[in-house]
Amino acid sequence: MTAMTEWHGGVHTVSLRVFTVVARHGSFTTAARELGYTQSAVSRQIAALEHDTGVPLFDRLPRGVRLTEQGRSLLGHADAVLDRLEAARRDLTALRDASAGRLRVGAFATANAALLPAALAELRARHPGLDTTAEEALTPVLTGRLAAGDLDAAVVGSLPGRPVDGVALRPLLDDAMYVALPRAHRLAGRPAVRLADLTDEEWIAGRRDPEDTLMAAALRTGFRPRIGYVVAEWIAKQGFVAAGLGVTLVPSLAAGVARPDIALVPVDPADVPPRTVAVATPRGIAPSPAVAAFLTALDTAATTVPRPPAG
């Protein structure tokens, strides 16, 4: 194998940089001054590059140096290599600073009422160059997409006794429960209610089976809601309540967007304990700078979630 076929293994970017500066000035002395090197150091770099390539790159003249034919051929390649390395450096710096890159997040429906939008607005203000997407799904779907690598982070909810597996969880806040009542309801002015007070009420829920709703934790007390209407969306549930068709549970995360013609009354936590709202990331994977920036924005948003209005 000739020196020319194996030269790429010994060339360093420093040598290429010195080579391009010498080529531009036609002088070892001027190049040394620009680079902050001694003239002998520049000469050694060029000699090493000529040794590695196996060809002369400069003609040494009485006054300066001049590129050989081989040197002119190498110059274009050297410029291209150095340009690509500089572009790579800029890209990596942008990723490190979260000023560029991709971020894919998800959240369950209630978190999209105020928490996630506040976090994403904070993130955009600080890192406008991030390409951020968001999607909504139930917690089990979100954790599955995290495990599959389809999401980078997700806001998830969990009830006591129902842990979320397969992901790393960091708690954000406790999501207390309220019952939404028509303004004229007999309990609308109470400071708090027990589920026993609502035994005869017709309930509006997202599922027919209460085990799959926010009332699941209350079933252990023997409470069994009479679900009359199955409605998925929070705004629609509130519309049913305002029309006097029943009552429904509302998490504190959704309370900030409550209709003015309904009353929100806290439910005794002994009946329906607060659920833990957490941010989930794939277990065992170090967060990227973009994810780290999102987590910081989410922490800020968690302290500013609108609190429920008085009943």
C-alpha atoms as a PDB file:
ATOM      1  CA  MET A   1       0.000   0.000   0.000  1.00  0.00           C
ATOM      2  CA  THR A   2       1.466   3.372  -1.004  1.00  0.00           C
ATOM      3  CA  ALA A   3       1.701   6.426   1.185  1.00  0.00           C
ATOM      4  CA  MET A   4      -0.880   8.153  -1.048  1.00  0.00           C
ATOM      5  CA  THR A   5      -3.538   5.461  -0.428  1.00  0.00           C
ATOM      6  CA  GLU A   6      -3.147   5.572   3.338  1.00  0.00           C
ATOM      7  CA  TRP A   7      -2.445   9.255   3.940  1.00  0.00           C
ATOM      8  CA  HIS A   8      -5.977  10.048   5.195  1.00  0.00           C
ATOM      9  CA  GLY A   9      -5.329   8.149   8.407  1.00  0.00           C
ATOM     10  CA  GLY A  10      -2.614  10.538   9.553  1.00  0.00           C
ATOM     11  CA  VAL A  11      -3.948  13.962   8.562  1.00  0.00           C
ATOM     12  CA  HIS A  12      -5.279  16.179  11.354  1.00  0.00           C
ATOM     13  CA  THR A  13      -7.612  19.110  10.997  1.00  0.00           C
ATOM     14  CA  VAL A  14      -4.912  21.348  12.503  1.00  0.00           C
ATOM     15  CA  SER A  15      -2.628  20.507   9.592  1.00  0.00           C
ATOM     16  CA  LEU A  16      -5.378  21.237   7.093  1.00  0.00           C
ATOM     17  CA  ARG A  17      -6.122  24.541   8.781  1.00  0.00           C
ATOM     18  CA  VAL A  18      -2.429  25.540   8.690  1.00  0.00           C
ATOM     19  CA  PHE A  19      -2.239  24.432   5.062  1.00  0.00           C
ATOM     20  CA  THR A  20      -5.174  26.625   3.967  1.00  0.00           C
ATOM     21  CA  VAL A  21      -3.812  29.693   5.776  1.00  0.00           C
ATOM     22  CA  VAL A  22      -0.343  29.250   4.231  1.00  0.00           C
ATOM     23  CA  ALA A  23      -1.964  28.779   0.826  1.00  0.00           C
ATOM     24  CA  ARG A  24      -3.987  31.982   1.222  1.00  0.00           C
ATOM     25  CA  HIS A  25      -0.985  34.110   2.216  1.00  0.00           C
ATOM     26  CA  GLY A  26       1.779  32.335   0.299  1.00  0.00           C
ATOM     27  CA  SER A  27       3.970  32.737   3.352  1.00  0.00           C
ATOM     28  CA  PHE A  28       4.876  30.637   6.383  1.00  0.00           C
ATOM     29  CA  THR A  29       5.705  33.805   8.314  1.00  0.00           C
ATOM     30  CA  THR A  30       2.373  35.536   7.691  1.00  0.00           C
ATOM     31  CA  ALA A  31       0.452  32.331   8.373  1.00  0.00           C
ATOM     32  CA  ALA A  32       2.320  31.867  11.652  1.00  0.00           C
ATOM     33  CA  ARG A  33       1.435  35.411  12.691  1.00  0.00           C
ATOM     34  CA  GLU A  34      -2.285  34.888  11.930  1.00  0.00           C
ATOM     35  CA  LEU A  35      -2.427  31.523  13.672  1.00  0.00           C
ATOM     36  CA  GLY A  36      -0.373  32.556  16.689  1.00  0.00           C
ATOM     37  CA  TYR A  37       2.252  29.891  15.940  1.00  0.00           C
ATOM     38  CA  THR A  38       5.986  30.110  15.499  1.00  0.00           C
ATOM     39  CA  GLN A  39       7.247  29.901  11.922  1.00  0.00           C
ATOM     40  CA  SER A  40       9.008  26.632  12.729  1.00  0.00           C
ATOM     41  CA  ALA A  41       5.718  25.162  14.017  1.00  0.00           C
ATOM     42  CA  VAL A  42       4.007  26.065  10.732  1.00  0.00           C
ATOM     43  CA  SER A  43       6.882  24.534   8.777  1.00  0.00           C
ATOM     44  CA  ARG A  44       6.591  21.308  10.802  1.00  0.00           C
ATOM     45  CA  GLN A  45       2.835  21.107  10.185  1.00  0.00           C
ATOM     46  CA  ILE A  46       3.282  21.504   6.436  1.00  0.00           C
ATOM     47  CA  ALA A  47       6.172  19.038   6.354  1.00  0.00           C
ATOM     48  CA  ALA A  48       4.046  16.499   8.276  1.00  0.00           C
ATOM     49  CA  LEU A  49       1.153  16.997   5.851  1.00  0.00           C
ATOM     50  CA  GLU A  50       3.432  16.527   2.861  1.00  0.00           C
ATOM     51  CA  HIS A  51       4.786  13.369   4.484  1.00  0.00           C
ATOM     52  CA  ASP A  52       1.277  11.999   5.099  1.00  0.00           C
ATOM     53  CA  THR A  53       0.047  12.771   1.589  1.00  0.00           C
ATOM     54  CA  GLY A  54       3.272  11.634  -0.033  1.00  0.00           C
ATOM     55  CA  VAL A  55       3.372  14.660  -2.352  1.00  0.00           C
ATOM     56  CA  PRO A  56       4.905  18.163  -2.276  1.00  0.00           C
ATOM     57  CA  LEU A  57       2.259  20.794  -1.541  1.00  0.00           C
ATOM     58  CA  PHE A  58       4.326  23.968  -1.861  1.00  0.00           C
ATOM     59  CA  ASP A  59       7.246  25.129  -3.944  1.00  0.00           C
ATOM     60  CA  ARG A  60       9.686  26.923  -1.655  1.00  0.00           C
ATOM     61  CA  LEU A  61      10.681  30.186  -3.325  1.00  0.00           C
ATOM     62  CA  PRO A  62      13.185  32.851  -2.290  1.00  0.00           C
ATOM     63  CA  ARG A  63      10.265  35.019  -1.219  1.00  0.00           C
ATOM     64  CA  GLY A  64       7.476  32.871   0.194  1.00  0.00           C
ATOM     65  CA  VAL A  65       5.893  29.685  -1.075  1.00  0.00           C
ATOM     66  CA  ARG A  66       3.533  28.727  -3.919  1.00  0.00           C
ATOM     67  CA  LEU A  67       1.087  25.836  -4.219  1.00  0.00           C
ATOM     68  CA  THR A  68       2.156  22.926  -6.381  1.00  0.00           C
ATOM     69  CA  GLU A  69      -0.371  21.267  -8.689  1.00  0.00           C
ATOM     70  CA  GLN A  70      -0.981  18.685  -5.953  1.00  0.00           C
ATOM     71  CA  GLY A  71      -1.382  21.491  -3.405  1.00  0.00           C
ATOM     72  CA  ARG A  72      -4.007  23.223  -5.555  1.00  0.00           C
ATOM     73  CA  SER A  73      -5.904  19.958  -5.790  1.00  0.00           C
ATOM     74  CA  LEU A  74      -5.793  19.424  -2.025  1.00  0.00           C
ATOM     75  CA  LEU A  75      -6.862  22.998  -1.230  1.00  0.00           C
ATOM     76  CA  GLY A  76     -10.431  22.544  -2.450  1.00  0.00           C
ATOM     77  CA  HIS A  77     -10.823  19.360  -0.425  1.00  0.00           C
ATOM     78  CA  ALA A  78      -9.282  20.953   2.659  1.00  0.00           C
ATOM     79  CA  ASP A  79     -11.654  23.921   2.455  1.00  0.00           C
ATOM     80  CA  ALA A  80     -14.631  21.567   2.084  1.00  0.00           C
ATOM     81  CA  VAL A  81     -13.556  19.425   5.053  1.00  0.00           C
ATOM     82  CA  LEU A  82     -13.009  22.444   7.295  1.00  0.00           C
ATOM     83  CA  ASP A  83     -16.334  23.981   6.223  1.00  0.00           C
ATOM     84  CA  ARG A  84     -18.192  20.754   7.042  1.00  0.00           C
ATOM     85  CA  LEU A  85     -16.481  20.489  10.423  1.00  0.00           C
ATOM     86  CA  GLU A  86     -17.396  24.087  11.211  1.00  0.00           C
ATOM     87  CA  ALA A  87     -21.008  23.401  10.216  1.00  0.00           C
ATOM     88  CA  ALA A  88     -21.004  20.331  12.464  1.00  0.00           C
ATOM     89  CA  ARG A  89     -19.618  22.414  15.329  1.00  0.00           C
ATOM     90  CA  ARG A  90     -22.385  24.995  14.874  1.00  0.00           C
ATOM     91  CA  ASP A  91     -25.046  22.269  14.766  1.00  0.00           C
ATOM     92  CA  LEU A  92     -23.736  20.592  17.900  1.00  0.00           C
ATOM     93  CA  THR A  93     -23.534  23.931  19.698  1.00  0.00           C
ATOM     94  CA  ALA A  94     -27.135  24.686  18.722  1.00  0.00           C
ATOM     95  CA  LEU A  95     -28.258  21.306  20.045  1.00  0.00           C
ATOM     96  CA  ARG A  96     -26.311  21.820  23.253  1.00  0.00           C
ATOM     97  CA  ASP A  97     -27.936  25.214  23.776  1.00  0.00           C
ATOM     98  CA  ALA A  98     -31.401  23.912  22.736  1.00  0.00           C
ATOM     99  CA  SER A  99     -31.522  26.639  20.083  1.00  0.00           C
ATOM    100  CA  ALA A 100     -32.208  23.990  17.439  1.00  0.00           C
ATOM    101  CA  GLY A 101     -33.309  20.389  17.239  1.00  0.00           C
ATOM    102  CA  ARG A 102     -36.496  18.348  17.609  1.00  0.00           C
ATOM    103  CA  LEU A 103     -38.744  17.906  20.632  1.00  0.00           C
ATOM    104  CA  ARG A 104     -41.791  15.590  20.661  1.00  0.00           C
ATOM    105  CA  VAL A 105     -44.015  15.800  23.724  1.00  0.00           C
ATOM    106  CA  GLY A 106     -47.372  14.436  24.766  1.00  0.00           C
ATOM    107  CA  ALA A 107     -49.912  14.996  27.509  1.00  0.00           C
ATOM    108  CA  PHE A 108     -53.218  13.668  28.767  1.00  0.00           C
ATOM    109  CA  ALA A 109     -56.266  15.800  28.028  1.00  0.00           C
ATOM    110  CA  THR A 110     -56.529  17.729  31.294  1.00  0.00           C
ATOM    111  CA  ALA A 111     -52.877  18.770  31.194  1.00  0.00           C
ATOM    112  CA  ASN A 112     -53.588  20.391  27.836  1.00  0.00           C
ATOM    113  CA  ALA A 113     -56.060  22.803  29.450  1.00  0.00           C
ATOM    114  CA  ALA A 114     -53.360  25.025  30.938  1.00  0.00           C
ATOM    115  CA  LEU A 115     -50.224  23.200  32.116  1.00  0.00           C
ATOM    116  CA  LEU A 116     -48.711  22.062  28.812  1.00  0.00           C
ATOM    117  CA  PRO A 117     -49.596  25.232  26.859  1.00  0.00           C
ATOM    118  CA  ALA A 118     -47.929  27.352  29.549  1.00  0.00           C
ATOM    119  CA  ALA A 119     -44.815  25.171  29.443  1.00  0.00           C
ATOM    120  CA  LEU A 120     -44.606  25.257  25.642  1.00  0.00           C
ATOM    121  CA  ALA A 121     -45.062  29.038  25.585  1.00  0.00           C
ATOM    122  CA  GLU A 122     -42.234  29.382  28.101  1.00  0.00           C
ATOM    123  CA  LEU A 123     -40.081  27.026  26.031  1.00  0.00           C
ATOM    124  CA  ARG A 124     -40.751  28.913  22.792  1.00  0.00           C
ATOM    125  CA  ALA A 125     -39.863  32.239  24.415  1.00  0.00           C
ATOM    126  CA  ARG A 126     -36.509  30.871  25.589  1.00  0.00           C
ATOM    127  CA  HIS A 127     -35.708  28.537  22.676  1.00  0.00           C
ATOM    128  CA  PRO A 128     -37.556  29.744  19.553  1.00  0.00           C
ATOM    129  CA  GLY A 129     -35.442  27.595  17.245  1.00  0.00           C
ATOM    130  CA  LEU A 130     -36.702  24.279  18.620  1.00  0.00           C
ATOM    131  CA  ASP A 131     -38.966  22.238  16.339  1.00  0.00           C
ATOM    132  CA  THR A 132     -41.605  21.195  18.877  1.00  0.00           C
ATOM    133  CA  THR A 133     -44.665  19.003  18.361  1.00  0.00           C
ATOM    134  CA  ALA A 134     -47.293  17.908  20.876  1.00  0.00           C
ATOM    135  CA  GLU A 135     -49.966  15.231  20.927  1.00  0.00           C
ATOM    136  CA  GLU A 136     -52.773  14.225  23.269  1.00  0.00           C
ATOM    137  CA  ALA A 137     -53.503  10.703  24.494  1.00  0.00           C
ATOM    138  CA  LEU A 138     -54.323   8.679  27.575  1.00  0.00           C
ATOM    139  CA  THR A 139     -51.470   7.971  29.967  1.00  0.00           C
ATOM    140  CA  PRO A 140     -51.028   4.280  28.936  1.00  0.00           C
ATOM    141  CA  VAL A 141     -50.782   5.322  25.289  1.00  0.00           C
ATOM    142  CA  LEU A 142     -48.261   8.040  26.100  1.00  0.00           C
ATOM    143  CA  THR A 143     -46.021   5.700  28.085  1.00  0.00           C
ATOM    144  CA  GLY A 144     -46.137   3.198  25.232  1.00  0.00           C
ATOM    145  CA  ARG A 145     -45.078   5.844  22.744  1.00  0.00           C
ATOM    146  CA  LEU A 146     -42.251   6.889  25.058  1.00  0.00           C
ATOM    147  CA  ALA A 147     -41.012   3.312  25.250  1.00  0.00           C
ATOM    148  CA  ALA A 148     -41.209   2.990  21.455  1.00  0.00           C
ATOM    149  CA  GLY A 149     -39.128   6.127  20.960  1.00  0.00           C
ATOM    150  CA  ASP A 150     -41.987   8.093  19.387  1.00  0.00           C
ATOM    151  CA  LEU A 151     -42.018  10.742  22.135  1.00  0.00           C
ATOM    152  CA  ASP A 152     -39.243  12.465  24.066  1.00  0.00           C
ATOM    153  CA  ALA A 153     -41.310  13.390  27.138  1.00  0.00           C
ATOM    154  CA  ALA A 154     -44.925  13.300  28.283  1.00  0.00           C
ATOM    155  CA  VAL A 155     -47.103  14.739  31.020  1.00  0.00           C
ATOM    156  CA  VAL A 156     -48.928  11.794  32.588  1.00  0.00           C
ATOM    157  CA  GLY A 157     -51.333  11.258  35.424  1.00  0.00           C
ATOM    158  CA  SER A 158     -51.504   8.432  37.925  1.00  0.00           C
ATOM    159  CA  LEU A 159     -53.817   7.552  40.781  1.00  0.00           C
ATOM    160  CA  PRO A 160     -52.604   5.967  44.030  1.00  0.00           C
ATOM    161  CA  GLY A 161     -52.221   2.231  43.569  1.00  0.00           C
ATOM    162  CA  ARG A 162     -51.900   2.532  39.790  1.00  0.00           C
ATOM    163  CA  PRO A 163     -48.214   3.234  39.105  1.00  0.00           C
ATOM    164  CA  VAL A 164     -46.905   3.932  35.634  1.00  0.00           C
ATOM    165  CA  ASP A 165     -44.271   1.373  34.599  1.00  0.00           C
ATOM    166  CA  GLY A 166     -41.461   1.425  32.062  1.00  0.00           C
ATOM    167  CA  VAL A 167     -40.630   5.123  32.255  1.00  0.00           C
ATOM    168  CA  ALA A 168     -38.787   7.483  34.557  1.00  0.00           C
ATOM    169  CA  LEU A 169     -41.248   9.688  36.424  1.00  0.00           C
ATOM    170  CA  ARG A 170     -40.678  13.052  38.069  1.00  0.00           C
ATOM    171  CA  PRO A 171     -43.664  14.421  40.002  1.00  0.00           C
ATOM    172  CA  LEU A 172     -44.863  17.902  39.052  1.00  0.00           C
ATOM    173  CA  LEU A 173     -47.912  18.546  41.215  1.00  0.00           C
ATOM    174  CA  ASP A 174     -50.885  16.990  42.981  1.00  0.00           C
ATOM    175  CA  ASP A 175     -54.122  17.341  41.044  1.00  0.00           C
ATOM    176  CA  ALA A 176     -56.976  17.715  43.537  1.00  0.00           C
ATOM    177  CA  MET A 177     -60.531  16.825  42.548  1.00  0.00           C
ATOM    178  CA  TYR A 178     -63.580  19.067  42.459  1.00  0.00           C
ATOM    179  CA  VAL A 179     -67.186  18.306  41.691  1.00  0.00           C
ATOM    180  CA  ALA A 180     -68.878  20.526  39.109  1.00  0.00           C
ATOM    181  CA  LEU A 181     -72.431  21.454  40.076  1.00  0.00           C
ATOM    182  CA  PRO A 182     -75.118  23.655  38.550  1.00  0.00           C
ATOM    183  CA  ARG A 183     -74.970  27.104  40.153  1.00  0.00           C
ATOM    184  CA  ALA A 184     -78.392  26.564  41.778  1.00  0.00           C
ATOM    185  CA  HIS A 185     -77.476  23.157  43.242  1.00  0.00           C
ATOM    186  CA  ARG A 186     -78.129  22.693  46.958  1.00  0.00           C
ATOM    187  CA  LEU A 187     -74.404  21.946  47.595  1.00  0.00           C
ATOM    188  CA  ALA A 188     -72.951  24.730  45.442  1.00  0.00           C
ATOM    189  CA  GLY A 189     -72.038  26.894  48.419  1.00  0.00           C
ATOM    190  CA  ARG A 190     -70.315  24.186  50.469  1.00  0.00           C
ATOM    191  CA  PRO A 191     -66.590  24.532  51.267  1.00  0.00           C
ATOM    192  CA  ALA A 192     -66.224  20.805  50.473  1.00  0.00           C
ATOM    193  CA  VAL A 193     -68.409  17.762  49.799  1.00  0.00           C
ATOM    194  CA  ARG A 194     -68.288  14.059  50.529  1.00  0.00           C
ATOM    195  CA  LEU A 195     -69.327  11.581  47.875  1.00  0.00           C
ATOM    196  CA  ALA A 196     -72.017  10.346  50.240  1.00  0.00           C
ATOM    197  CA  ASP A 197     -73.672  13.749  49.717  1.00  0.00           C
ATOM    198  CA  LEU A 198     -73.928  12.949  45.996  1.00  0.00           C
ATOM    199  CA  THR A 199     -75.325   9.416  46.154  1.00  0.00           C
ATOM    200  CA  ASP A 200     -78.576  10.339  44.418  1.00  0.00           C
ATOM    201  CA  GLU A 201     -76.976  12.458  41.698  1.00  0.00           C
ATOM    202  CA  GLU A 202     -76.728  11.497  38.066  1.00  0.00           C
ATOM    203  CA  TRP A 203     -73.105  11.596  36.941  1.00  0.00           C
ATOM    204  CA  ILE A 204     -71.454  12.654  33.720  1.00  0.00           C
ATOM    205  CA  ALA A 205     -68.282  10.665  33.028  1.00  0.00           C
ATOM    206  CA  GLY A 206     -65.866   9.891  30.258  1.00  0.00           C
ATOM    207  CA  ARG A 207     -66.578   6.145  30.418  1.00  0.00           C
ATOM    208  CA  ARG A 208     -69.565   4.011  31.315  1.00  0.00           C
ATOM    209  CA  ASP A 209     -67.418   1.898  33.634  1.00  0.00           C
ATOM    210  CA  PRO A 210     -66.353   3.999  36.669  1.00  0.00           C
ATOM    211  CA  GLU A 211     -63.187   1.886  37.064  1.00  0.00           C
ATOM    212  CA  ASP A 212     -61.886   3.690  33.974  1.00  0.00           C
ATOM    213  CA  THR A 213     -62.691   7.206  35.207  1.00  0.00           C
ATOM    214  CA  LEU A 214     -61.454   9.687  37.814  1.00  0.00           C
ATOM    215  CA  MET A 215     -63.883   8.057  40.261  1.00  0.00           C
ATOM    216  CA  ALA A 216     -61.949   4.775  40.274  1.00  0.00           C
ATOM    217  CA  ALA A 217     -60.157   5.609  43.544  1.00  0.00           C
ATOM    218  CA  ALA A 218     -63.508   6.322  45.228  1.00  0.00           C
ATOM    219  CA  LEU A 219     -64.890   2.851  44.564  1.00  0.00           C
ATOM    220  CA  ARG A 220     -62.912   1.464  47.502  1.00  0.00           C
ATOM    221  CA  THR A 221     -65.179   3.477  49.819  1.00  0.00           C
ATOM    222  CA  GLY A 222     -68.220   1.647  48.481  1.00  0.00           C
ATOM    223  CA  PHE A 223     -69.417   4.602  46.443  1.00  0.00           C
ATOM    224  CA  ARG A 224     -70.927   3.604  43.105  1.00  0.00           C
ATOM    225  CA  PRO A 225     -71.866   6.520  40.834  1.00  0.00           C
ATOM    226  CA  ARG A 226     -74.959   6.376  38.665  1.00  0.00           C
ATOM    227  CA  ILE A 227     -73.535   7.371  35.297  1.00  0.00           C
ATOM    228  CA  GLY A 228     -76.233   8.833  33.105  1.00  0.00           C
ATOM    229  CA  TYR A 229     -74.201  10.466  30.342  1.00  0.00           C
ATOM    230  CA  VAL A 230     -70.881   9.442  28.802  1.00  0.00           C
ATOM    231  CA  VAL A 231     -69.069  12.546  27.575  1.00  0.00           C
ATOM    232  CA  ALA A 232     -65.365  12.714  26.820  1.00  0.00           C
ATOM    233  CA  GLU A 233     -64.513  16.406  26.510  1.00  0.00           C
ATOM    234  CA  TRP A 234     -64.206  18.665  29.552  1.00  0.00           C
ATOM    235  CA  ILE A 235     -66.006  21.588  27.944  1.00  0.00           C
ATOM    236  CA  ALA A 236     -68.865  19.314  26.924  1.00  0.00           C
ATOM    237  CA  LYS A 237     -69.116  17.862  30.445  1.00  0.00           C
ATOM    238  CA  GLN A 238     -69.426  21.360  31.838  1.00  0.00           C
ATOM    239  CA  GLY A 239     -72.173  22.103  29.339  1.00  0.00           C
ATOM    240  CA  PHE A 240     -74.148  19.117  30.586  1.00  0.00           C
ATOM    241  CA  VAL A 241     -73.663  20.276  34.178  1.00  0.00           C
ATOM    242  CA  ALA A 242     -74.742  23.836  33.377  1.00  0.00           C
ATOM    243  CA  ALA A 243     -77.894  22.452  31.774  1.00  0.00           C
ATOM    244  CA  GLY A 244     -78.745  20.664  35.023  1.00  0.00           C
ATOM    245  CA  LEU A 245     -78.287  17.169  33.586  1.00  0.00           C
ATOM    246  CA  GLY A 246     -75.917  15.935  36.262  1.00  0.00           C
ATOM    247  CA  VAL A 247     -72.631  16.458  38.076  1.00  0.00           C
ATOM    248  CA  THR A 248     -69.065  15.546  37.190  1.00  0.00           C
ATOM    249  CA  LEU A 249     -65.583  15.449  38.652  1.00  0.00           C
ATOM    250  CA  VAL A 250     -63.191  18.138  37.468  1.00  0.00           C
ATOM    251  CA  PRO A 251     -59.443  17.998  38.186  1.00  0.00           C
ATOM    252  CA  SER A 252     -57.811  21.191  39.413  1.00  0.00           C
ATOM    253  CA  LEU A 253     -55.784  21.283  36.180  1.00  0.00           C
ATOM    254  CA  ALA A 254     -59.006  21.873  34.239  1.00  0.00           C
ATOM    255  CA  ALA A 255     -60.597  24.183  36.788  1.00  0.00           C
ATOM    256  CA  GLY A 256     -58.973  27.283  35.353  1.00  0.00           C
ATOM    257  CA  VAL A 257     -61.129  26.959  32.230  1.00  0.00           C
ATOM    258  CA  ALA A 258     -64.386  26.281  34.099  1.00  0.00           C
ATOM    259  CA  ARG A 259     -67.591  27.873  32.811  1.00  0.00           C
ATOM    260  CA  PRO A 260     -68.933  30.767  34.879  1.00  0.00           C
ATOM    261  CA  ASP A 261     -72.397  29.152  35.111  1.00  0.00           C
ATOM    262  CA  ILE A 262     -71.221  26.139  37.125  1.00  0.00           C
ATOM    263  CA  ALA A 263     -69.864  25.825  40.661  1.00  0.00           C
ATOM    264  CA  LEU A 264     -66.734  23.913  41.579  1.00  0.00           C
ATOM    265  CA  VAL A 265     -66.645  22.459  45.086  1.00  0.00           C
ATOM    266  CA  PRO A 266     -63.646  20.527  46.467  1.00  0.00           C
ATOM    267  CA  VAL A 267     -64.199  16.813  47.044  1.00  0.00           C
ATOM    268  CA  ASP A 268     -62.946  15.521  50.376  1.00  0.00           C
ATOM    269  CA  PRO A 269     -59.548  13.901  49.609  1.00  0.00           C
ATOM    270  CA  ALA A 270     -60.530  10.966  51.818  1.00  0.00           C
ATOM    271  CA  ASP A 271     -63.055  10.067  49.109  1.00  0.00           C
ATOM    272  CA  VAL A 272     -61.074  10.984  45.981  1.00  0.00           C
ATOM    273  CA  PRO A 273     -57.383  11.576  46.708  1.00  0.00           C
ATOM    274  CA  PRO A 274     -55.390  13.905  44.461  1.00  0.00           C
ATOM    275  CA  ARG A 275     -53.715  12.203  41.567  1.00  0.00           C
ATOM    276  CA  THR A 276     -50.035  12.719  40.932  1.00  0.00           C
ATOM    277  CA  VAL A 277     -49.211  14.573  37.738  1.00  0.00           C
ATOM    278  CA  ALA A 278     -45.706  13.760  36.563  1.00  0.00           C
ATOM    279  CA  VAL A 279     -43.437  14.219  33.595  1.00  0.00           C
ATOM    280  CA  ALA A 280     -42.330  10.935  32.067  1.00  0.00           C
ATOM    281  CA  THR A 281     -39.201  10.262  30.032  1.00  0.00           C
ATOM    282  CA  PRO A 282     -37.855   6.969  28.684  1.00  0.00           C
ATOM    283  CA  ARG A 283     -36.062   5.109  31.457  1.00  0.00           C
ATOM    284  CA  GLY A 284     -32.289   4.800  31.069  1.00  0.00           C
ATOM    285  CA  ILE A 285     -31.953   7.495  28.395  1.00  0.00           C
ATOM    286  CA  ALA A 286     -30.191  10.727  29.288  1.00  0.00           C
ATOM    287  CA  PRO A 287     -32.395  13.722  28.417  1.00  0.00           C
ATOM    288  CA  SER A 288     -31.281  15.771  25.443  1.00  0.00           C
ATOM    289  CA  PRO A 289     -30.710  19.516  25.909  1.00  0.00           C
ATOM    290  CA  ALA A 290     -34.131  20.106  24.314  1.00  0.00           C
ATOM    291  CA  VAL A 291     -35.811  17.758  26.798  1.00  0.00           C
ATOM    292  CA  ALA A 292     -33.919  19.352  29.694  1.00  0.00           C
ATOM    293  CA  ALA A 293     -35.151  22.783  28.571  1.00  0.00           C
ATOM    294  CA  PHE A 294     -38.712  21.447  28.364  1.00  0.00           C
ATOM    295  CA  LEU A 295     -38.503  20.005  31.877  1.00  0.00           C
ATOM    296  CA  THR A 296     -37.380  23.385  33.205  1.00  0.00           C
ATOM    297  CA  ALA A 297     -40.269  25.130  31.435  1.00  0.00           C
ATOM    298  CA  LEU A 298     -42.684  22.529  32.790  1.00  0.00           C
ATOM    299  CA  ASP A 299     -41.476  23.115  36.350  1.00  0.00           C
ATOM    300  CA  THR A 300     -42.150  26.825  35.910  1.00  0.00           C
ATOM    301  CA  ALA A 301     -45.610  26.198  34.457  1.00  0.00           C
ATOM    302  CA  ALA A 302     -46.510  23.843  37.314  1.00  0.00           C
ATOM    303  CA  THR A 303     -46.172  26.721  39.780  1.00  0.00           C
ATOM    304  CA  THR A 304     -48.492  28.981  37.797  1.00  0.00           C
ATOM    305  CA  VAL A 305     -51.394  26.651  36.976  1.00  0.00           C
ATOM    306  CA  PRO A 306     -54.625  28.646  37.551  1.00  0.00           C
ATOM    307  CA  ARG A 307     -56.337  27.665  40.787  1.00  0.00           C
ATOM    308  CA  PRO A 308     -60.032  26.783  40.870  1.00  0.00           C
ATOM    309  CA  PRO A 309     -62.478  29.626  41.455  1.00  0.00           C
ATOM    310  CA  ALA A 310     -64.648  29.662  44.555  1.00  0.00           C
ATOM    311  CA  GLY A 311     -67.798  27.602  44.369  1.00  0.00           C
END
